[in-house]
């Protein structure tokens, strides 16, 4: 059975995954040229770390908020 706060939690989780997918698409589009240029490759790695940290933070906040319910 779903609890009262579960619907909002699922909606937020779906939005996070949609945003992550769109960032992956952007990252994939950037990765082609980045492989040919070492400075671009470093930018790719930094961007990848940034989006990974962004989503880990959002998912952990979501989990923490869930614990408070």
PDB file of N, CA and C in Angstrom:
ATOM      1  N   UNK A   1       0.840  -1.189   0.000  1.00  0.00           N
ATOM      2  CA  UNK A   1       0.000   0.000   0.000  1.00  0.00           C
ATOM      3  C   UNK A   1       0.885   1.253   0.000  1.00  0.00           C
ATOM      4  N   UNK A   2       0.403   2.261  -0.694  1.00  0.00           N
ATOM      5  CA  UNK A   2       1.122   3.521  -0.720  1.00  0.00           C
ATOM      6  C   UNK A   2       0.727   4.351   0.484  1.00  0.00           C
ATOM      7  N   UNK A   3       1.722   4.984   1.070  1.00  0.00           N
ATOM      8  CA  UNK A   3       1.451   5.925   2.149  1.00  0.00           C
ATOM      9  C   UNK A   3       1.091   7.269   1.534  1.00  0.00           C
ATOM     10  N   UNK A   4       0.638   8.185   2.352  1.00  0.00           N
ATOM     11  CA  UNK A   4       0.154   9.466   1.834  1.00  0.00           C
ATOM     12  C   UNK A   4       1.226  10.270   1.108  1.00  0.00           C
ATOM     13  N   UNK A   5       2.472  10.226   1.533  1.00  0.00           N
ATOM     14  CA  UNK A   5       3.534  11.006   0.897  1.00  0.00           C
ATOM     15  C   UNK A   5       4.205  10.304  -0.256  1.00  0.00           C
ATOM     16  N   UNK A   6       3.830   9.048  -0.535  1.00  0.00           N
ATOM     17  CA  UNK A   6       4.515   8.276  -1.567  1.00  0.00           C
ATOM     18  C   UNK A   6       4.309   8.835  -2.974  1.00  0.00           C
ATOM     19  N   UNK A   7       3.123   9.332  -3.302  1.00  0.00           N
ATOM     20  CA  UNK A   7       2.855   9.832  -4.652  1.00  0.00           C
ATOM     21  C   UNK A   7       3.797  10.974  -4.997  1.00  0.00           C
ATOM     22  N   UNK A   8       3.938  11.927  -4.099  1.00  0.00           N
ATOM     23  CA  UNK A   8       4.857  13.045  -4.333  1.00  0.00           C
ATOM     24  C   UNK A   8       6.300  12.587  -4.432  1.00  0.00           C
ATOM     25  N   UNK A   9       6.657  11.592  -3.648  1.00  0.00           N
ATOM     26  CA  UNK A   9       8.011  11.040  -3.676  1.00  0.00           C
ATOM     27  C   UNK A   9       8.292  10.411  -5.031  1.00  0.00           C
ATOM     28  N   UNK A  10       7.351   9.623  -5.541  1.00  0.00           N
ATOM     29  CA  UNK A  10       7.522   8.981  -6.846  1.00  0.00           C
ATOM     30  C   UNK A  10       7.616  10.015  -7.961  1.00  0.00           C
ATOM     31  N   UNK A  11       6.808  11.060  -7.877  1.00  0.00           N
ATOM     32  CA  UNK A  11       6.849  12.109  -8.893  1.00  0.00           C
ATOM     33  C   UNK A  11       8.205  12.804  -8.895  1.00  0.00           C
ATOM     34  N   UNK A  12       8.742  13.116  -7.717  1.00  0.00           N
ATOM     35  CA  UNK A  12      10.053  13.755  -7.629  1.00  0.00           C
ATOM     36  C   UNK A  12      11.144  12.839  -8.148  1.00  0.00           C
ATOM     37  N   UNK A  13      11.047  11.563  -7.821  1.00  0.00           N
ATOM     38  CA  UNK A  13      12.029  10.588  -8.273  1.00  0.00           C
ATOM     39  C   UNK A  13      12.022  10.468  -9.802  1.00  0.00           C
ATOM     40  N   UNK A  14      10.845  10.438 -10.396  1.00  0.00           N
ATOM     41  CA  UNK A  14      10.730  10.372 -11.855  1.00  0.00           C
ATOM     42  C   UNK A  14      11.325  11.623 -12.496  1.00  0.00           C
ATOM     43  N   UNK A  15      11.060  12.786 -11.931  1.00  0.00           N
ATOM     44  CA  UNK A  15      11.627  14.025 -12.473  1.00  0.00           C
ATOM     45  C   UNK A  15      13.150  14.025 -12.390  1.00  0.00           C
ATOM     46  N   UNK A  16      13.697  13.517 -11.294  1.00  0.00           N
ATOM     47  CA  UNK A  16      15.154  13.445 -11.152  1.00  0.00           C
ATOM     48  C   UNK A  16      15.740  12.540 -12.230  1.00  0.00           C
ATOM     49  N   UNK A  17      15.117  11.403 -12.473  1.00  0.00           N
ATOM     50  CA  UNK A  17      15.637  10.489 -13.491  1.00  0.00           C
ATOM     51  C   UNK A  17      15.493  11.066 -14.901  1.00  0.00           C
ATOM     52  N   UNK A  18      14.419  11.815 -15.165  1.00  0.00           N
ATOM     53  CA  UNK A  18      14.270  12.462 -16.468  1.00  0.00           C
ATOM     54  C   UNK A  18      15.370  13.496 -16.661  1.00  0.00           C
ATOM     55  N   UNK A  19      15.624  14.309 -15.643  1.00  0.00           N
ATOM     56  CA  UNK A  19      16.692  15.306 -15.727  1.00  0.00           C
ATOM     57  C   UNK A  19      18.048  14.631 -15.919  1.00  0.00           C
ATOM     58  N   UNK A  20      18.282  13.535 -15.212  1.00  0.00           N
ATOM     59  CA  UNK A  20      19.550  12.808 -15.349  1.00  0.00           C
ATOM     60  C   UNK A  20      19.697  12.268 -16.772  1.00  0.00           C
ATOM     61  N   UNK A  21      18.616  11.756 -17.341  1.00  0.00           N
ATOM     62  CA  UNK A  21      18.660  11.254 -18.711  1.00  0.00           C
ATOM     63  C   UNK A  21      19.001  12.377 -19.686  1.00  0.00           C
ATOM     64  N   UNK A  22      18.365  13.544 -19.516  1.00  0.00           N
ATOM     65  CA  UNK A  22      18.646  14.669 -20.408  1.00  0.00           C
ATOM     66  C   UNK A  22      20.091  15.131 -20.268  1.00  0.00           C
ATOM     67  N   UNK A  23      20.625  15.134 -19.051  1.00  0.00           N
ATOM     68  CA  UNK A  23      22.030  15.477 -18.862  1.00  0.00           C
ATOM     69  C   UNK A  23      22.933  14.440 -19.529  1.00  0.00           C
ATOM     70  N   UNK A  24      22.527  13.176 -19.501  1.00  0.00           N
ATOM     71  CA  UNK A  24      23.312  12.132 -20.162  1.00  0.00           C
ATOM     72  C   UNK A  24      23.327  12.350 -21.672  1.00  0.00           C
ATOM     73  N   UNK A  25      22.201  12.768 -22.231  1.00  0.00           N
ATOM     74  CA  UNK A  25      22.138  13.059 -23.661  1.00  0.00           C
ATOM     75  C   UNK A  25      23.083  14.209 -24.003  1.00  0.00           C
ATOM     76  N   UNK A  26      23.058  15.259 -23.195  1.00  0.00           N
ATOM     77  CA  UNK A  26      23.965  16.389 -23.410  1.00  0.00           C
ATOM     78  C   UNK A  26      25.415  15.931 -23.309  1.00  0.00           C
ATOM     79  N   UNK A  27      25.684  15.099 -22.323  1.00  0.00           N
ATOM     80  CA  UNK A  27      27.034  14.597 -22.097  1.00  0.00           C
ATOM     81  C   UNK A  27      27.490  13.741 -23.271  1.00  0.00           C
ATOM     82  N   UNK A  28      26.616  12.918 -23.795  1.00  0.00           N
ATOM     83  CA  UNK A  28      26.956  12.069 -24.940  1.00  0.00           C
ATOM     84  C   UNK A  28      27.255  12.914 -26.177  1.00  0.00           C
ATOM     85  N   UNK A  29      26.492  13.967 -26.377  1.00  0.00           N
ATOM     86  CA  UNK A  29      26.723  14.854 -27.514  1.00  0.00           C
ATOM     87  C   UNK A  29      28.068  15.557 -27.382  1.00  0.00           C
ATOM     88  N   UNK A  30      28.459  15.858 -26.173  1.00  0.00           N
ATOM     89  CA  UNK A  30      29.731  16.528 -25.918  1.00  0.00           C
ATOM     90  C   UNK A  30      30.897  15.556 -26.000  1.00  0.00           C
ATOM     91  N   UNK A  31      30.665  14.302 -25.678  1.00  0.00           N
ATOM     92  CA  UNK A  31      31.738  13.319 -25.571  1.00  0.00           C
ATOM     93  C   UNK A  31      32.419  13.045 -26.900  1.00  0.00           C
ATOM     94  N   UNK A  32      31.702  13.064 -28.020  1.00  0.00           N
ATOM     95  CA  UNK A  32      32.313  12.814 -29.329  1.00  0.00           C
ATOM     96  C   UNK A  32      33.501  13.727 -29.593  1.00  0.00           C
ATOM     97  N   UNK A  33      33.304  15.047 -29.575  1.00  0.00           N
ATOM     98  CA  UNK A  33      34.434  15.950 -29.795  1.00  0.00           C
ATOM     99  C   UNK A  33      35.467  15.903 -28.659  1.00  0.00           C
ATOM    100  N   UNK A  34      35.028  15.567 -27.462  1.00  0.00           N
ATOM    101  CA  UNK A  34      35.947  15.586 -26.317  1.00  0.00           C
ATOM    102  C   UNK A  34      37.016  14.509 -26.431  1.00  0.00           C
ATOM    103  N   UNK A  35      36.688  13.391 -27.066  1.00  0.00           N
ATOM    104  CA  UNK A  35      37.664  12.312 -27.196  1.00  0.00           C
ATOM    105  C   UNK A  35      38.844  12.718 -28.059  1.00  0.00           C
ATOM    106  N   UNK A  36      38.635  13.645 -28.960  1.00  0.00           N
ATOM    107  CA  UNK A  36      39.689  14.059 -29.882  1.00  0.00           C
ATOM    108  C   UNK A  36      40.575  15.160 -29.311  1.00  0.00           C
ATOM    109  N   UNK A  37      40.147  15.796 -28.263  1.00  0.00           N
ATOM    110  CA  UNK A  37      40.877  16.930 -27.716  1.00  0.00           C
ATOM    111  C   UNK A  37      41.078  16.705 -26.222  1.00  0.00           C
ATOM    112  N   UNK A  38      42.324  16.709 -25.763  1.00  0.00           N
ATOM    113  CA  UNK A  38      42.599  16.377 -24.362  1.00  0.00           C
ATOM    114  C   UNK A  38      42.026  17.417 -23.395  1.00  0.00           C
ATOM    115  N   UNK A  39      42.042  18.706 -23.772  1.00  0.00           N
ATOM    116  CA  UNK A  39      41.479  19.710 -22.869  1.00  0.00           C
ATOM    117  C   UNK A  39      39.960  19.547 -22.777  1.00  0.00           C
ATOM    118  N   UNK A  40      39.321  19.178 -23.890  1.00  0.00           N
ATOM    119  CA  UNK A  40      37.883  18.914 -23.862  1.00  0.00           C
ATOM    120  C   UNK A  40      37.584  17.677 -23.025  1.00  0.00           C
ATOM    121  N   UNK A  41      38.475  16.704 -23.065  1.00  0.00           N
ATOM    122  CA  UNK A  41      38.299  15.494 -22.279  1.00  0.00           C
ATOM    123  C   UNK A  41      38.296  15.823 -20.782  1.00  0.00           C
ATOM    124  N   UNK A  42      39.156  16.753 -20.387  1.00  0.00           N
ATOM    125  CA  UNK A  42      39.177  17.174 -18.985  1.00  0.00           C
ATOM    126  C   UNK A  42      37.875  17.879 -18.620  1.00  0.00           C
ATOM    127  N   UNK A  43      37.358  18.693 -19.526  1.00  0.00           N
ATOM    128  CA  UNK A  43      36.073  19.349 -19.278  1.00  0.00           C
ATOM    129  C   UNK A  43      34.955  18.324 -19.163  1.00  0.00           C
ATOM    130  N   UNK A  44      35.013  17.308 -20.003  1.00  0.00           N
ATOM    131  CA  UNK A  44      34.028  16.227 -19.954  1.00  0.00           C
ATOM    132  C   UNK A  44      34.042  15.572 -18.574  1.00  0.00           C
ATOM    133  N   UNK A  45      35.232  15.260 -18.081  1.00  0.00           N
ATOM    134  CA  UNK A  45      35.345  14.610 -16.770  1.00  0.00           C
ATOM    135  C   UNK A  45      34.792  15.501 -15.667  1.00  0.00           C
ATOM    136  N   UNK A  46      35.095  16.793 -15.724  1.00  0.00           N
ATOM    137  CA  UNK A  46      34.574  17.716 -14.713  1.00  0.00           C
ATOM    138  C   UNK A  46      33.050  17.802 -14.778  1.00  0.00           C
ATOM    139  N   UNK A  47      32.509  17.877 -16.001  1.00  0.00           N
ATOM    140  CA  UNK A  47      31.054  17.945 -16.161  1.00  0.00           C
ATOM    141  C   UNK A  47      30.403  16.662 -15.660  1.00  0.00           C
ATOM    142  N   UNK A  48      31.016  15.520 -15.980  1.00  0.00           N
ATOM    143  CA  UNK A  48      30.490  14.241 -15.523  1.00  0.00           C
ATOM    144  C   UNK A  48      30.464  14.188 -13.996  1.00  0.00           C
ATOM    145  N   UNK A  49      31.549  14.631 -13.355  1.00  0.00           N
ATOM    146  CA  UNK A  49      31.594  14.654 -11.889  1.00  0.00           C
ATOM    147  C   UNK A  49      30.532  15.597 -11.330  1.00  0.00           C
ATOM    148  N   UNK A  50      30.340  16.747 -11.978  1.00  0.00           N
ATOM    149  CA  UNK A  50      29.344  17.710 -11.524  1.00  0.00           C
ATOM    150  C   UNK A  50      27.941  17.119 -11.572  1.00  0.00           C
ATOM    151  N   UNK A  51      27.564  16.500 -12.710  1.00  0.00           N
ATOM    152  CA  UNK A  51      26.198  15.969 -12.793  1.00  0.00           C
ATOM    153  C   UNK A  51      26.024  14.764 -11.876  1.00  0.00           C
ATOM    154  N   UNK A  52      27.074  13.975 -11.704  1.00  0.00           N
ATOM    155  CA  UNK A  52      26.973  12.841 -10.779  1.00  0.00           C
ATOM    156  C   UNK A  52      26.735  13.348  -9.362  1.00  0.00           C
ATOM    157  N   UNK A  53      27.525  14.340  -8.943  1.00  0.00           N
ATOM    158  CA  UNK A  53      27.367  14.910  -7.596  1.00  0.00           C
ATOM    159  C   UNK A  53      25.990  15.540  -7.434  1.00  0.00           C
ATOM    160  N   UNK A  54      25.508  16.212  -8.483  1.00  0.00           N
ATOM    161  CA  UNK A  54      24.198  16.874  -8.430  1.00  0.00           C
ATOM    162  C   UNK A  54      23.086  15.857  -8.151  1.00  0.00           C
ATOM    163  N   UNK A  55      23.111  14.732  -8.855  1.00  0.00           N
ATOM    164  CA  UNK A  55      22.034  13.755  -8.687  1.00  0.00           C
ATOM    165  C   UNK A  55      22.193  12.918  -7.430  1.00  0.00           C
ATOM    166  N   UNK A  56      23.410  12.650  -7.026  1.00  0.00           N
ATOM    167  CA  UNK A  56      23.609  11.942  -5.758  1.00  0.00           C
ATOM    168  C   UNK A  56      23.081  12.805  -4.617  1.00  0.00           C
ATOM    169  N   UNK A  57      23.361  14.099  -4.676  1.00  0.00           N
ATOM    170  CA  UNK A  57      22.881  15.018  -3.641  1.00  0.00           C
ATOM    171  C   UNK A  57      21.343  15.068  -3.629  1.00  0.00           C
ATOM    172  N   UNK A  58      20.739  15.184  -4.808  1.00  0.00           N
ATOM    173  CA  UNK A  58      19.272  15.268  -4.866  1.00  0.00           C
ATOM    174  C   UNK A  58      18.611  13.988  -4.390  1.00  0.00           C
ATOM    175  N   UNK A  59      19.167  12.841  -4.779  1.00  0.00           N
ATOM    176  CA  UNK A  59      18.593  11.569  -4.341  1.00  0.00           C
ATOM    177  C   UNK A  59      18.782  11.367  -2.844  1.00  0.00           C
ATOM    178  N   UNK A  60      19.917  11.797  -2.294  1.00  0.00           N
ATOM    179  CA  UNK A  60      20.124  11.644  -0.851  1.00  0.00           C
ATOM    180  C   UNK A  60      19.191  12.569  -0.072  1.00  0.00           C
ATOM    181  N   UNK A  61      18.950  13.786  -0.593  1.00  0.00           N
ATOM    182  CA  UNK A  61      17.991  14.684   0.055  1.00  0.00           C
ATOM    183  C   UNK A  61      16.591  14.082   0.020  1.00  0.00           C
ATOM    184  N   UNK A  62      16.247  13.483  -1.101  1.00  0.00           N
ATOM    185  CA  UNK A  62      14.937  12.844  -1.243  1.00  0.00           C
ATOM    186  C   UNK A  62      14.806  11.691  -0.250  1.00  0.00           C
ATOM    187  N   UNK A  63      15.861  10.903  -0.108  1.00  0.00           N
ATOM    188  CA  UNK A  63      15.851   9.790   0.841  1.00  0.00           C
ATOM    189  C   UNK A  63      15.737  10.296   2.270  1.00  0.00           C
ATOM    190  N   UNK A  64      16.483  11.374   2.585  1.00  0.00           N
ATOM    191  CA  UNK A  64      16.445  11.932   3.928  1.00  0.00           C
ATOM    192  C   UNK A  64      15.046  12.464   4.246  1.00  0.00           C
ATOM    193  N   UNK A  65      14.451  13.166   3.280  1.00  0.00           N
ATOM    194  CA  UNK A  65      13.095  13.683   3.486  1.00  0.00           C
ATOM    195  C   UNK A  65      12.102  12.544   3.675  1.00  0.00           C
ATOM    196  N   UNK A  66      12.321  11.441   2.986  1.00  0.00           N
ATOM    197  CA  UNK A  66      11.447  10.266   3.113  1.00  0.00           C
ATOM    198  C   UNK A  66      11.526   9.690   4.526  1.00  0.00           C
ATOM    199  N   UNK A  67      12.721   9.708   5.089  1.00  0.00           N
ATOM    200  CA  UNK A  67      12.889   9.200   6.453  1.00  0.00           C
ATOM    201  C   UNK A  67      12.126  10.048   7.463  1.00  0.00           C
ATOM    202  N   UNK A  68      11.968  11.334   7.157  1.00  0.00           N
ATOM    203  CA  UNK A  68      11.275  12.234   8.072  1.00  0.00           C
ATOM    204  C   UNK A  68       9.760  12.055   8.034  1.00  0.00           C
ATOM    205  N   UNK A  69       9.249  11.441   6.956  1.00  0.00           N
ATOM    206  CA  UNK A  69       7.786  11.259   6.843  1.00  0.00           C
ATOM    207  C   UNK A  69       7.260  10.237   7.815  1.00  0.00           C
TER     208      UNK A  69
END
